[in-house]
Amino acid sequence: MISEKIKPLVNHNSAIRAMFEEGRRLAAIYGEEHVFDFSLGNPNVPAPQSVNMAICDILKEENSVFVHGYMSNAGFEDVRAAIAKSLNRRFNTKFHQNNILMTAGAASGLNVILKTLLNPGDEVIVFAPYFVEYGNYVSNYDGRLIVISPDTETFQPNLDELEKKINAKTKAVIINTPNNPTGVVYSAKTLARLADILRAKEEELKTAIVLISDEPYRELAYDGVEVPYVTRFYDDTVVAYSYSKTLSLPGERIGYLVIPDELEESGQVFTAATIANRVLGSVNAPSLMQRAILRCVDEKVDLEAYDRNRNLLYNGLIRAGFECVKPEGAFYLFVKAPEADEKRFCGICKQHNILVVPGSSFACPGYVRIAYCVSSEQIQRALPEFEKVAKAYGMNQ
């Protein structure tokens, strides 16, 4: 009955979601306080109170038929204009409302732009480690995912390999900074060289190569680290943004695409992406959340809780003997497993009710991802269990 295309996904469901469900099962047996679930990037910092108040005020003050009704498939014009003005203030850009297309989160935005761009057989390049769903999104439109191997020293993108793998079939390159799963922020130097490579390849191959920047973690950066705005480096860029992490609204599915004027055939791409937004079934981004974003366009979550967790977990794991690049953004640690088979290591962790995600899920075996968007108390309770795991491997003795 089911399609051949969906069968592999049924047979090999997301390891992240599988660990999340396992956490629920273990919590029912041992109690939530004795299970240490670091699997899912589900924000534990509440949304700003201003967002909650905005939703209440909208329902009181604005016409309900308007609030809950259809609008342009690209989204409310005043919301798009407000986002463009906010980006211009913050990043010295020159966007306007017709550069902003409201989407049901960044995931929907990525599907919209990929449907807009890809013909069957077109190639999309990603840098390992990468968010596992990129492969499924590209496959949705019969594209082919090309994976660049990881630089496990810095986890900056491997640009030498990128230069070799770009060819006439390359339609797009996806980057994700701050990165899931490493927490690494791509530097301005990295982005400048990436842009130089893409421009040179466009000229050599006489084609357009779109750089798609997936940015759900843009506002989650620590220690004063700058997250460079990618459109300032390369004209043929599209940005996919989400408020899921930056305003702790993952279940509300609200985000946008930025399609700049500088992009080749920008107007045609924007029109096509607006149609793709409709025909993919979203029709438009959630109307109430668009109205809330209008009132809260510059709001951010309190980063202090995530930063405390980052330092608490990182320092605790380093003391125990684990190896990890300290994350500059997002809310993940990407930890080197103490053995080559990181899935076996995940199994050892599970014996201590610690749930982490294998790095092979991100095309980077030998590592595990730990999501620290949990309570500080959970981290404190988990650290002695991590130390037991380290001791079992003979670490830090």
Protein backbone atom coordinates (compact mmCIF):
# COMPACT_ATOMS: atom_id res chain seq x y z
CA MET A 1 0.00 0.00 0.00
CA ILE A 2 2.60 2.59 1.01
CA SER A 3 4.95 4.09 -1.56
CA GLU A 4 8.44 2.78 -2.24
CA LYS A 5 9.76 6.26 -1.45
CA ILE A 6 8.42 6.28 2.12
CA LYS A 7 9.35 2.67 2.97
CA PRO A 8 12.99 3.41 3.87
CA LEU A 9 11.82 6.15 6.26
CA VAL A 10 9.39 3.77 7.93
CA ASN A 11 12.06 1.10 8.27
CA HIS A 12 14.75 3.52 9.47
CA ASN A 13 12.96 6.19 11.45
CA SER A 14 14.82 9.16 12.95
CA ALA A 15 17.28 8.10 15.66
CA ILE A 16 16.56 11.39 17.41
CA ARG A 17 12.85 10.66 17.64
CA ALA A 18 13.56 7.03 18.56
CA MET A 19 15.67 8.16 21.51
CA PHE A 20 12.96 10.62 22.54
CA GLU A 21 10.36 7.85 22.59
CA GLU A 22 12.79 5.60 24.49
CA GLY A 23 13.14 8.37 27.08
CA ARG A 24 9.40 8.42 27.60
CA ARG A 25 9.38 4.64 28.01
CA LEU A 26 12.19 4.68 30.57
CA ALA A 27 10.62 7.57 32.47
CA ALA A 28 7.44 5.51 32.91
CA ILE A 29 9.56 2.74 34.46
CA TYR A 30 12.12 4.62 36.56
CA GLY A 31 10.53 8.06 36.99
CA GLU A 32 11.44 11.21 35.07
CA GLU A 33 13.98 12.33 37.69
CA HIS A 34 16.02 9.16 37.08
CA VAL A 35 16.10 9.41 33.27
CA PHE A 36 18.48 11.82 31.53
CA ASP A 37 17.06 12.53 28.11
CA PHE A 38 19.40 14.65 25.98
CA SER A 39 17.96 13.53 22.66
CA LEU A 40 15.62 16.20 21.34
CA GLY A 41 16.27 19.89 20.68
CA ASN A 42 13.04 20.90 22.40
CA PRO A 43 13.59 24.28 24.14
CA ASN A 44 13.07 24.21 27.90
CA VAL A 45 13.38 28.00 28.26
CA PRO A 46 9.85 29.42 28.10
CA ALA A 47 8.79 31.82 25.39
CA PRO A 48 9.13 35.49 26.39
CA GLN A 49 6.12 36.68 28.34
CA SER A 50 5.69 39.43 25.76
CA VAL A 51 4.86 36.76 23.16
CA ASN A 52 2.18 35.23 25.36
CA MET A 53 0.75 38.67 26.10
CA ALA A 54 0.80 39.60 22.41
CA ILE A 55 -1.28 36.55 21.54
CA CYS A 56 -3.83 37.45 24.24
CA ASP A 57 -3.93 41.10 23.16
CA ILE A 58 -4.36 40.18 19.49
CA LEU A 59 -7.39 38.06 20.29
CA LYS A 60 -8.90 40.95 22.26
CA GLU A 61 -7.99 43.82 19.97
CA GLU A 62 -8.02 42.59 16.38
CA ASN A 63 -10.95 41.40 14.29
CA SER A 64 -11.15 37.62 14.71
CA VAL A 65 -12.19 37.03 11.10
CA PHE A 66 -9.05 38.88 10.01
CA VAL A 67 -6.77 37.22 12.57
CA HIS A 68 -7.84 33.69 11.70
CA GLY A 69 -8.40 34.21 7.99
CA TYR A 70 -6.46 33.67 4.79
CA MET A 71 -3.99 36.19 3.50
CA SER A 72 -1.48 36.27 0.66
CA ASN A 73 0.34 32.95 0.39
CA ALA A 74 3.50 34.91 1.14
CA GLY A 75 2.07 36.14 4.46
CA PHE A 76 0.70 39.38 5.89
CA GLU A 77 2.31 42.38 4.19
CA ASP A 78 2.80 44.34 7.44
CA VAL A 79 4.47 41.35 9.13
CA ARG A 80 6.86 40.87 6.22
CA ALA A 81 7.69 44.59 6.17
CA ALA A 82 8.37 44.57 9.93
CA ILE A 83 10.75 41.61 9.61
CA ALA A 84 12.57 43.27 6.72
CA LYS A 85 13.02 46.48 8.76
CA SER A 86 14.27 44.50 11.77
CA LEU A 87 16.86 42.68 9.65
CA ASN A 88 17.95 45.97 8.08
CA ARG A 89 18.47 47.56 11.52
CA ARG A 90 20.46 44.62 12.81
CA PHE A 91 22.54 43.58 9.81
CA ASN A 92 22.73 46.70 7.61
CA THR A 93 20.80 45.00 4.83
CA LYS A 94 18.30 46.55 2.40
CA PHE A 95 15.39 44.11 2.43
CA HIS A 96 11.74 44.98 1.82
CA GLN A 97 8.50 43.05 2.31
CA ASN A 98 8.79 41.32 -1.06
CA ASN A 99 12.03 39.72 0.07
CA ILE A 100 10.26 38.01 3.00
CA LEU A 101 8.03 34.94 2.60
CA MET A 102 6.36 33.67 5.79
CA THR A 103 6.58 29.90 6.26
CA ALA A 104 5.52 27.20 8.71
CA GLY A 105 8.96 27.15 10.30
CA ALA A 106 12.38 26.71 8.71
CA ALA A 107 11.66 23.09 7.76
CA SER A 108 8.74 24.17 5.61
CA GLY A 109 10.84 27.03 4.27
CA LEU A 110 13.58 24.64 3.18
CA ASN A 111 11.02 22.45 1.40
CA VAL A 112 9.54 25.51 -0.28
CA ILE A 113 12.86 26.73 -1.66
CA LEU A 114 13.99 23.25 -2.69
CA LYS A 115 10.72 22.65 -4.55
CA THR A 116 11.21 26.03 -6.20
CA LEU A 117 14.76 25.28 -7.35
CA LEU A 118 15.22 21.56 -7.97
CA ASN A 119 14.74 19.51 -11.09
CA PRO A 120 15.06 15.70 -10.80
CA GLY A 121 18.73 14.76 -10.58
CA ASP A 122 19.93 18.17 -9.39
CA GLU A 123 22.52 17.98 -6.63
CA VAL A 124 22.43 19.72 -3.26
CA ILE A 125 25.65 19.82 -1.23
CA VAL A 126 25.71 19.63 2.57
CA PHE A 127 28.57 19.65 5.07
CA ALA A 128 28.79 16.80 7.57
CA PRO A 129 27.78 16.76 10.30
CA TYR A 130 24.38 17.98 9.15
CA PHE A 131 20.73 17.84 10.26
CA VAL A 132 19.47 14.44 9.12
CA GLU A 133 16.26 15.72 7.52
CA TYR A 134 18.16 17.59 4.79
CA GLY A 135 18.46 14.33 2.89
CA ASN A 136 14.72 13.72 3.09
CA TYR A 137 13.91 17.26 2.03
CA VAL A 138 16.12 16.99 -1.06
CA SER A 139 14.71 13.54 -1.87
CA ASN A 140 11.18 14.98 -1.74
CA TYR A 141 11.91 16.73 -5.04
CA ASP A 142 14.03 13.94 -6.58
CA GLY A 143 17.27 15.77 -5.93
CA ARG A 144 20.51 14.10 -4.93
CA LEU A 145 22.29 14.90 -1.67
CA ILE A 146 26.07 15.25 -1.89
CA VAL A 147 27.82 15.07 1.49
CA ILE A 148 31.12 16.82 2.23
CA SER A 149 33.17 14.96 4.84
CA PRO A 150 33.65 16.63 8.23
CA ASP A 151 36.66 18.51 9.50
CA THR A 152 36.67 17.00 12.98
CA GLU A 153 39.39 19.39 14.20
CA THR A 154 37.32 22.59 13.90
CA PHE A 155 33.95 21.47 12.45
CA GLN A 156 34.15 24.41 10.06
CA PRO A 157 33.03 23.33 6.55
CA ASN A 158 35.55 21.39 4.48
CA LEU A 159 35.91 23.89 1.64
CA ASP A 160 38.69 22.09 -0.22
CA GLU A 161 36.40 19.11 -0.74
CA LEU A 162 33.50 21.40 -1.63
CA GLU A 163 35.52 22.95 -4.44
CA LYS A 164 36.21 19.51 -5.89
CA LYS A 165 32.61 18.26 -5.69
CA ILE A 166 30.77 21.18 -7.29
CA ASN A 167 29.80 20.32 -10.86
CA ALA A 168 27.26 21.22 -13.54
CA LYS A 169 24.50 19.40 -11.63
CA THR A 170 25.05 21.40 -8.42
CA LYS A 171 21.96 23.54 -7.82
CA ALA A 172 22.40 24.48 -4.16
CA VAL A 173 24.62 24.29 -1.07
CA ILE A 174 23.03 24.17 2.40
CA ILE A 175 24.81 25.56 5.45
CA ASN A 176 23.62 25.67 9.06
CA THR A 177 25.24 28.12 11.45
CA PRO A 178 25.16 28.03 14.45
CA ASN A 179 25.36 24.38 13.64
CA ASN A 180 23.23 21.44 14.68
CA PRO A 181 24.81 19.16 16.00
CA THR A 182 28.16 20.82 16.83
CA GLY A 183 27.20 24.29 18.07
CA VAL A 184 29.99 25.72 15.89
CA VAL A 185 29.50 29.15 14.29
CA TYR A 186 30.90 29.54 10.76
CA SER A 187 33.36 32.43 10.81
CA ALA A 188 33.33 35.44 8.48
CA LYS A 189 36.61 34.14 7.02
CA THR A 190 34.98 30.78 6.27
CA LEU A 191 31.93 32.39 4.67
CA ALA A 192 34.06 34.74 2.57
CA ARG A 193 36.08 31.83 1.16
CA LEU A 194 32.91 29.80 0.62
CA ALA A 195 31.43 32.71 -1.34
CA ASP A 196 34.61 33.05 -3.44
CA ILE A 197 34.44 29.35 -4.36
CA LEU A 198 30.78 29.56 -5.34
CA ARG A 199 31.27 32.70 -7.45
CA ALA A 200 34.21 31.12 -9.26
CA LYS A 201 32.20 27.94 -9.93
CA GLU A 202 29.22 29.95 -11.18
CA GLU A 203 31.51 31.68 -13.65
CA GLU A 204 33.27 28.46 -14.67
CA LEU A 205 30.08 26.42 -15.10
CA LYS A 206 27.89 29.29 -16.40
CA THR A 207 25.16 28.44 -13.90
CA ALA A 208 23.61 29.75 -10.70
CA ILE A 209 24.42 27.97 -7.42
CA VAL A 210 22.15 28.97 -4.55
CA LEU A 211 23.55 29.09 -1.03
CA ILE A 212 20.74 28.15 1.39
CA SER A 213 21.46 29.25 4.94
CA ASP A 214 19.38 27.37 7.52
CA GLU A 215 19.26 29.60 10.60
CA PRO A 216 16.96 28.37 13.39
CA TYR A 217 19.72 28.99 15.97
CA ARG A 218 20.87 32.43 14.80
CA GLU A 219 20.06 34.20 18.10
CA LEU A 220 21.58 31.47 20.28
CA ALA A 221 25.23 32.53 20.38
CA TYR A 222 27.47 32.89 23.45
CA ASP A 223 30.49 34.80 24.71
CA GLY A 224 29.88 37.68 22.31
CA VAL A 225 30.40 35.51 19.23
CA GLU A 226 29.13 37.15 16.03
CA VAL A 227 26.98 35.09 13.66
CA PRO A 228 27.73 36.72 10.27
CA TYR A 229 24.73 37.44 8.02
CA VAL A 230 25.27 35.33 4.93
CA THR A 231 23.61 37.54 2.29
CA ARG A 232 26.39 40.09 2.80
CA PHE A 233 28.94 37.58 1.46
CA TYR A 234 27.17 36.04 -1.54
CA ASP A 235 24.39 37.36 -3.78
CA ASP A 236 22.74 34.04 -4.68
CA THR A 237 21.70 33.33 -1.09
CA VAL A 238 18.37 32.33 0.43
CA VAL A 239 17.93 32.36 4.21
CA ALA A 240 15.54 30.00 6.01
CA TYR A 241 14.71 31.25 9.50
CA SER A 242 12.58 29.89 12.33
CA TYR A 243 11.32 31.24 15.64
CA SER A 244 11.15 27.69 17.04
CA LYS A 245 14.37 28.00 19.04
CA THR A 246 14.91 31.74 19.27
CA LEU A 247 11.46 32.39 20.79
CA SER A 248 10.88 28.85 22.13
CA LEU A 249 7.93 28.26 19.78
CA PRO A 250 8.74 24.89 18.12
CA GLY A 251 5.15 23.67 18.06
CA GLU A 252 3.76 26.88 16.56
CA ARG A 253 5.61 26.40 13.23
CA ILE A 254 6.45 29.98 12.31
CA GLY A 255 9.38 31.26 10.29
CA TYR A 256 10.28 32.87 6.98
CA LEU A 257 12.45 32.79 3.89
CA VAL A 258 14.62 35.73 2.83
CA ILE A 259 14.88 35.91 -0.97
CA PRO A 260 17.06 38.97 -1.64
CA ASP A 261 16.87 41.21 -4.69
CA GLU A 262 20.49 40.30 -5.45
CA LEU A 263 19.56 36.64 -6.07
CA GLU A 264 19.51 35.78 -9.77
CA GLU A 265 15.92 36.08 -11.08
CA SER A 266 14.84 37.08 -7.57
CA GLY A 267 11.32 38.19 -8.49
CA GLN A 268 10.60 34.99 -10.38
CA VAL A 269 12.02 32.90 -7.51
CA PHE A 270 9.88 34.75 -4.97
CA THR A 271 6.74 34.23 -7.03
CA ALA A 272 7.52 30.55 -7.54
CA ALA A 273 8.32 30.06 -3.84
CA THR A 274 5.01 31.69 -2.89
CA ILE A 275 3.20 29.21 -5.14
CA ALA A 276 5.29 26.34 -3.70
CA ASN A 277 4.20 27.44 -0.23
CA ARG A 278 0.60 26.93 -1.34
CA VAL A 279 0.88 23.73 -3.35
CA LEU A 280 2.94 21.95 -0.70
CA GLY A 281 -0.13 22.23 1.51
CA SER A 282 0.91 24.87 4.02
CA VAL A 283 -1.09 27.46 2.01
CA ASN A 284 0.22 30.15 4.35
CA ALA A 285 2.10 30.40 7.64
CA PRO A 286 -0.13 30.31 10.76
CA SER A 287 -2.02 33.59 10.83
CA LEU A 288 -2.21 34.16 14.60
CA MET A 289 1.53 33.58 15.00
CA GLN A 290 2.26 35.99 12.16
CA ARG A 291 0.30 38.67 14.04
CA ALA A 292 2.26 37.83 17.22
CA ILE A 293 5.59 38.11 15.41
CA LEU A 294 4.58 41.59 14.20
CA ARG A 295 4.38 42.73 17.83
CA CYS A 296 7.46 40.81 19.00
CA VAL A 297 9.77 41.02 16.00
CA ASP A 298 12.84 41.96 18.07
CA GLU A 299 12.17 39.77 21.10
CA LYS A 300 14.59 37.02 22.15
CA VAL A 301 14.64 34.26 24.73
CA ASP A 302 16.81 34.58 27.83
CA LEU A 303 20.11 32.96 26.87
CA GLU A 304 21.47 32.79 30.42
CA ALA A 305 19.83 29.44 31.17
CA TYR A 306 21.26 27.85 28.02
CA ASP A 307 24.68 29.38 28.71
CA ARG A 308 24.68 28.02 32.28
CA ASN A 309 23.77 24.60 30.96
CA ARG A 310 26.44 24.79 28.26
CA ASN A 311 29.18 25.53 30.77
CA LEU A 312 27.89 23.10 33.39
CA LEU A 313 27.69 20.16 31.00
CA TYR A 314 30.81 20.97 28.99
CA ASN A 315 33.00 21.44 32.06
CA GLY A 316 31.56 18.33 33.72
CA LEU A 317 32.18 16.14 30.67
CA ILE A 318 35.72 17.48 30.18
CA ARG A 319 36.52 16.75 33.84
CA ALA A 320 35.21 13.22 33.33
CA GLY A 321 37.63 12.76 30.43
CA PHE A 322 35.39 13.26 27.39
CA GLU A 323 36.50 15.26 24.32
CA CYS A 324 34.35 18.00 22.78
CA VAL A 325 34.70 21.28 20.89
CA LYS A 326 33.09 23.91 23.12
CA PRO A 327 29.96 25.13 21.29
CA GLU A 328 29.68 28.81 20.38
CA GLY A 329 25.96 28.65 19.63
CA ALA A 330 22.76 26.56 19.50
CA PHE A 331 22.22 24.17 22.44
CA TYR A 332 24.14 21.03 21.55
CA LEU A 333 27.43 19.39 22.49
CA PHE A 334 29.02 17.09 19.92
CA VAL A 335 31.11 14.71 22.00
CA LYS A 336 33.71 12.25 20.75
CA ALA A 337 32.74 8.71 21.73
CA PRO A 338 35.43 6.81 23.66
CA GLU A 339 35.22 3.99 21.12
CA ALA A 340 34.84 3.81 17.35
CA ASP A 341 31.32 2.36 17.51
CA GLU A 342 29.37 5.31 18.87
CA LYS A 343 26.12 3.36 18.72
CA ARG A 344 27.52 0.87 21.20
CA PHE A 345 28.57 3.84 23.35
CA CYS A 346 24.98 5.12 23.17
CA GLY A 347 23.90 1.70 24.43
CA ILE A 348 26.31 1.92 27.38
CA CYS A 349 24.94 5.37 28.18
CA LYS A 350 21.40 4.00 28.06
CA GLN A 351 22.33 1.46 30.74
CA HIS A 352 22.76 4.53 32.96
CA ASN A 353 19.47 6.03 31.69
CA ILE A 354 21.39 8.60 29.65
CA LEU A 355 19.94 9.14 26.17
CA VAL A 356 22.16 10.69 23.50
CA VAL A 357 22.01 10.59 19.70
CA PRO A 358 24.65 8.78 17.60
CA GLY A 359 26.74 10.94 15.31
CA SER A 360 26.08 8.63 12.38
CA SER A 361 22.60 10.20 12.32
CA PHE A 362 24.42 13.38 11.25
CA ALA A 363 26.84 11.62 8.84
CA CYS A 364 29.63 11.88 11.40
CA PRO A 365 30.20 8.53 13.14
CA GLY A 366 32.37 8.33 16.23
CA TYR A 367 30.53 11.19 17.97
CA VAL A 368 27.29 11.69 19.88
CA ARG A 369 25.02 14.71 20.15
CA ILE A 370 23.87 15.90 23.55
CA ALA A 371 21.07 18.49 23.65
CA TYR A 372 21.46 20.68 26.73
CA CYS A 373 18.11 22.49 26.36
CA VAL A 374 17.01 20.75 29.57
CA SER A 375 16.82 21.80 33.20
CA SER A 376 20.10 22.48 35.01
CA GLU A 377 18.91 20.03 37.64
CA GLN A 378 18.80 17.25 35.04
CA ILE A 379 22.38 18.00 34.05
CA GLN A 380 23.51 17.99 37.68
CA ARG A 381 21.82 14.63 38.28
CA ALA A 382 23.25 13.22 35.04
CA LEU A 383 26.90 14.18 35.56
CA PRO A 384 27.60 11.42 38.13
CA GLU A 385 26.17 8.92 35.62
CA PHE A 386 28.39 10.31 32.87
CA GLU A 387 31.33 9.89 35.26
CA LYS A 388 30.38 6.22 35.76
CA VAL A 389 30.33 5.74 31.99
CA ALA A 390 33.76 7.41 31.73
CA LYS A 391 35.10 5.18 34.49
CA ALA A 392 33.80 2.09 32.68
CA TYR A 393 35.95 3.16 29.71
CA GLY A 394 38.97 3.82 31.91
CA MET A 395 38.95 7.54 31.19
CA ASN A 396 40.57 10.25 33.31
CA GLN A 397 42.17 7.82 35.75
